Amino acid sequence: MKRFILFLLVLGMGVSLFAQVQLPVHHFAVGNWKLTTDRLYQNDAKAGLAKVNILIPQNGPMIYEFNARYEGGAEDGHGGFGLHIFANDVINRASWGSGNSYLLWLNYDENPISKDITRGFSAQVYRSYTNSRMVLLANVSLNEYASLLTYDNLKQPIPFKIWADGNTGEVRVYDPTDPKMETYFYFFMDKKDVPMKGNWLSVRTNGMAVSFGL
């Protein structure tokens, strides 16, 4: 199985701690992005379509592993972040979609505009067809986990693991509340989209500041 780590960590010479974070070819398209020695930050809490495009060939089975930490901005009752996987084409400016891809989105919205989006804490799957056209495929309420959104918990990085097979279309999103990371939510891409291939991964945020690492 091909294994993809969202950020490549490089060991410093003669030390046991991770000394530097390196990204493959990438473009900070929208937002205030900053790469430090151990994390990638999107610091603009007001940016609605913040995005970094990362050049990563994706085909067949893939694993995406990273952690995300809330850095602020959702005090107004709205914020989210997610990944476009298997993107075939991207643009380095504001866009709703990200080429031909699937968007896995984690969302908090106290007053969603769409009736199809759960009020409060939820997750969505979108099918992106172009940089301007996306379709909502699934909406899952996560309000049973809302009690975990405490100040102390939000200060800690939350681990994420996603397994996606471009050949079969199966996608598994592992439950970060499971210490063993053995339980997962899953869905299947549309059969017409399989096999799914793409050269880009888009990491994006909406209305809040987030940092990412391993």
Protein backbone atom coordinates (compact mmCIF):
# COMPACT_ATOMS: atom_id res chain seq x y z
CA MET A 1 0.00 0.00 0.00
CA LYS A 2 1.24 3.43 -0.86
CA ARG A 3 1.67 5.60 2.20
CA PHE A 4 1.42 9.35 2.12
CA ILE A 5 2.26 11.51 5.12
CA LEU A 6 0.77 14.98 4.84
CA PHE A 7 3.95 16.61 6.09
CA LEU A 8 7.42 15.08 5.71
CA LEU A 9 9.40 15.40 8.93
CA VAL A 10 13.19 15.49 8.65
CA LEU A 11 15.39 14.41 11.58
CA GLY A 12 18.05 16.91 12.63
CA MET A 13 21.67 15.75 12.51
CA GLY A 14 22.70 14.15 15.79
CA VAL A 15 19.44 14.89 17.61
CA SER A 16 16.41 12.76 18.34
CA LEU A 17 13.84 15.50 17.94
CA PHE A 18 12.20 16.51 14.70
CA ALA A 19 14.09 19.57 13.53
CA GLN A 20 12.28 20.73 10.40
CA VAL A 21 9.04 20.34 8.49
CA GLN A 22 9.30 20.15 4.73
CA LEU A 23 6.47 20.25 2.23
CA PRO A 24 6.59 18.98 -1.33
CA VAL A 25 5.99 21.56 -4.07
CA HIS A 26 3.18 23.72 -2.73
CA HIS A 27 1.36 27.02 -3.24
CA PHE A 28 -0.14 29.13 -0.46
CA ALA A 29 -3.16 30.22 -2.47
CA VAL A 30 -5.39 32.07 0.03
CA GLY A 31 -4.97 32.89 3.71
CA ASN A 32 -2.05 33.72 5.96
CA TRP A 33 0.04 30.54 5.89
CA LYS A 34 3.27 30.08 7.81
CA LEU A 35 5.58 27.08 7.97
CA THR A 36 7.54 26.68 11.21
CA THR A 37 9.96 23.99 12.36
CA ASP A 38 7.18 21.68 13.46
CA ARG A 39 3.80 22.95 12.18
CA LEU A 40 1.99 24.52 9.27
CA TYR A 41 -0.21 27.44 10.36
CA GLN A 42 -3.12 29.19 8.70
CA ASN A 43 -3.36 32.31 10.86
CA ASP A 44 -6.13 34.33 9.20
CA ALA A 45 -9.25 33.54 11.24
CA LYS A 46 -11.42 35.57 8.86
CA ALA A 47 -10.32 33.95 5.59
CA GLY A 48 -13.31 32.22 4.06
CA LEU A 49 -11.54 30.20 1.38
CA ALA A 50 -8.04 29.72 2.79
CA LYS A 51 -6.13 27.07 0.88
CA VAL A 52 -2.73 25.55 0.27
CA ASN A 53 -2.22 23.30 -2.76
CA ILE A 54 0.35 20.51 -2.31
CA LEU A 55 1.74 18.51 -5.22
CA ILE A 56 1.31 14.84 -4.28
CA PRO A 57 0.57 12.15 -6.91
CA GLN A 58 -2.34 10.03 -5.63
CA ASN A 59 -3.64 6.78 -7.05
CA GLY A 60 -4.64 3.43 -5.60
CA PRO A 61 -4.76 3.04 -1.79
CA MET A 62 -3.57 6.10 0.14
CA ILE A 63 -3.21 6.95 3.82
CA TYR A 64 -3.37 10.56 5.03
CA GLU A 65 -2.18 11.10 8.61
CA PHE A 66 -1.84 14.43 10.38
CA ASN A 67 -3.02 16.34 13.41
CA ALA A 68 -4.95 19.59 13.49
CA ARG A 69 -5.09 22.15 16.28
CA TYR A 70 -7.61 24.95 16.66
CA GLU A 71 -5.86 28.33 16.87
CA GLY A 72 -8.88 30.65 17.11
CA GLY A 73 -11.65 32.37 15.20
CA ALA A 74 -14.73 30.24 15.81
CA GLU A 75 -15.96 32.50 18.59
CA ASP A 76 -18.46 33.88 16.07
CA GLY A 77 -20.10 30.46 15.86
CA HIS A 78 -18.64 29.34 12.55
CA GLY A 79 -15.50 27.63 11.29
CA GLY A 80 -14.22 24.56 9.49
CA PHE A 81 -11.35 22.82 7.73
CA GLY A 82 -10.78 19.87 5.44
CA LEU A 83 -8.92 18.16 2.62
CA HIS A 84 -9.51 17.88 -1.10
CA ILE A 85 -8.09 14.47 -2.05
CA PHE A 86 -7.24 13.14 -5.54
CA ALA A 87 -7.46 16.65 -7.04
CA ASN A 88 -6.50 16.65 -10.73
CA ASP A 89 -6.31 20.41 -11.18
CA VAL A 90 -6.05 23.37 -8.82
CA ILE A 91 -5.83 27.14 -9.04
CA ASN A 92 -3.75 29.32 -6.76
CA ARG A 93 -6.47 31.81 -5.90
CA ALA A 94 -9.81 31.76 -4.12
CA SER A 95 -12.10 28.98 -5.29
CA TRP A 96 -15.09 27.04 -4.04
CA GLY A 97 -13.99 23.68 -5.40
CA SER A 98 -10.59 22.21 -6.15
CA GLY A 99 -10.65 20.65 -9.59
CA ASN A 100 -11.90 17.08 -9.87
CA SER A 101 -11.71 15.83 -6.27
CA TYR A 102 -13.49 14.83 -3.08
CA LEU A 103 -13.60 17.22 -0.12
CA LEU A 104 -13.72 15.81 3.41
CA TRP A 105 -14.88 18.62 5.67
CA LEU A 106 -15.18 19.12 9.44
CA ASN A 107 -17.60 21.90 10.29
CA TYR A 108 -18.90 23.95 13.20
CA ASP A 109 -21.78 26.28 12.38
CA GLU A 110 -24.36 27.54 14.84
CA ASN A 111 -26.47 29.05 12.05
CA PRO A 112 -25.89 27.17 8.78
CA ILE A 113 -27.26 28.82 5.66
CA SER A 114 -28.16 25.49 4.06
CA LYS A 115 -30.87 23.28 5.57
CA ASP A 116 -28.76 20.32 4.48
CA ILE A 117 -25.99 21.18 6.97
CA THR A 118 -26.40 20.14 10.59
CA ARG A 119 -26.55 22.97 13.10
CA GLY A 120 -23.58 22.72 15.43
CA PHE A 121 -20.81 20.17 14.96
CA SER A 122 -20.84 18.08 11.78
CA ALA A 123 -18.88 16.56 8.90
CA GLN A 124 -19.55 16.71 5.17
CA VAL A 125 -18.42 14.99 2.01
CA TYR A 126 -18.46 17.08 -1.16
CA ARG A 127 -17.84 16.06 -4.74
CA SER A 128 -15.83 18.78 -6.48
CA TYR A 129 -16.17 18.84 -10.27
CA THR A 130 -14.40 22.10 -11.03
CA ASN A 131 -12.92 25.01 -9.12
CA SER A 132 -16.38 26.58 -9.00
CA ARG A 133 -18.77 23.61 -8.77
CA MET A 134 -19.22 21.30 -5.80
CA VAL A 135 -22.10 19.03 -4.73
CA LEU A 136 -22.85 17.94 -1.16
CA LEU A 137 -22.96 14.14 -1.01
CA ALA A 138 -23.24 13.46 2.71
CA ASN A 139 -23.80 15.29 5.98
CA VAL A 140 -23.12 13.62 9.33
CA SER A 141 -24.05 15.14 12.67
CA LEU A 142 -21.23 15.07 15.20
CA ASN A 143 -23.15 16.82 17.96
CA GLU A 144 -22.76 13.77 20.18
CA TYR A 145 -19.10 14.79 20.36
CA ALA A 146 -19.79 18.50 20.93
CA SER A 147 -19.12 18.15 24.65
CA LEU A 148 -15.49 17.43 23.77
CA LEU A 149 -15.07 20.92 22.30
CA THR A 150 -13.77 22.38 25.54
CA TYR A 151 -11.12 25.07 25.85
CA ASP A 152 -8.56 22.60 27.19
CA ASN A 153 -9.27 20.02 24.48
CA LEU A 154 -9.09 22.60 21.71
CA LYS A 155 -5.56 23.51 22.80
CA GLN A 156 -4.43 19.96 22.00
CA PRO A 157 -3.68 18.65 18.50
CA ILE A 158 -6.37 16.21 17.31
CA PRO A 159 -5.02 13.20 15.34
CA PHE A 160 -6.60 12.34 12.00
CA LYS A 161 -6.20 9.27 9.83
CA ILE A 162 -7.91 8.84 6.46
CA TRP A 163 -7.59 5.78 4.22
CA ALA A 164 -8.78 6.20 0.65
CA ASP A 165 -8.56 3.70 -2.19
CA GLY A 166 -8.72 5.34 -5.60
CA ASN A 167 -9.16 1.92 -7.25
CA THR A 168 -12.24 0.80 -5.32
CA GLY A 169 -13.57 4.19 -4.20
CA GLU A 170 -13.73 3.23 -0.52
CA VAL A 171 -12.82 5.99 1.95
CA ARG A 172 -12.41 5.47 5.70
CA VAL A 173 -12.16 8.33 8.18
CA TYR A 174 -10.92 6.98 11.51
CA ASP A 175 -12.49 8.15 14.76
CA PRO A 176 -9.96 10.40 16.54
CA THR A 177 -11.68 9.74 19.87
CA ASP A 178 -10.69 6.07 19.64
CA PRO A 179 -7.23 5.78 21.28
CA LYS A 180 -6.40 2.76 19.12
CA MET A 181 -7.72 4.39 15.92
CA GLU A 182 -9.52 1.16 15.00
CA THR A 183 -13.06 2.43 14.42
CA TYR A 184 -13.97 4.51 11.40
CA PHE A 185 -16.70 6.12 9.35
CA TYR A 186 -16.73 5.17 5.67
CA PHE A 187 -18.28 6.00 2.34
CA PHE A 188 -17.77 5.08 -1.30
CA MET A 189 -16.97 7.40 -4.16
CA ASP A 190 -19.36 7.32 -7.09
CA LYS A 191 -18.64 4.26 -9.24
CA LYS A 192 -18.35 6.58 -12.27
CA ASP A 193 -15.36 8.25 -10.62
CA VAL A 194 -13.37 5.06 -10.07
CA PRO A 195 -10.47 4.71 -10.60
CA MET A 196 -9.78 8.09 -9.02
CA LYS A 197 -6.40 9.72 -9.60
CA GLY A 198 -4.97 13.15 -8.96
CA ASN A 199 -1.72 15.01 -8.48
CA TRP A 200 -2.80 17.55 -5.87
CA LEU A 201 -3.97 17.70 -2.29
CA SER A 202 -5.66 20.91 -1.12
CA VAL A 203 -5.73 21.72 2.58
CA ARG A 204 -8.24 24.42 3.39
CA THR A 205 -9.87 26.30 6.23
CA ASN A 206 -12.93 28.51 6.49
CA GLY A 207 -13.46 31.23 9.06
CA MET A 208 -10.92 30.08 11.62
CA ALA A 209 -7.21 29.68 12.24
CA VAL A 210 -5.81 26.14 12.31
CA SER A 211 -2.36 24.57 12.50
CA PHE A 212 -1.32 21.17 11.14
CA GLY A 213 1.48 18.73 11.92
CA LEU A 214 2.27 15.09 12.72
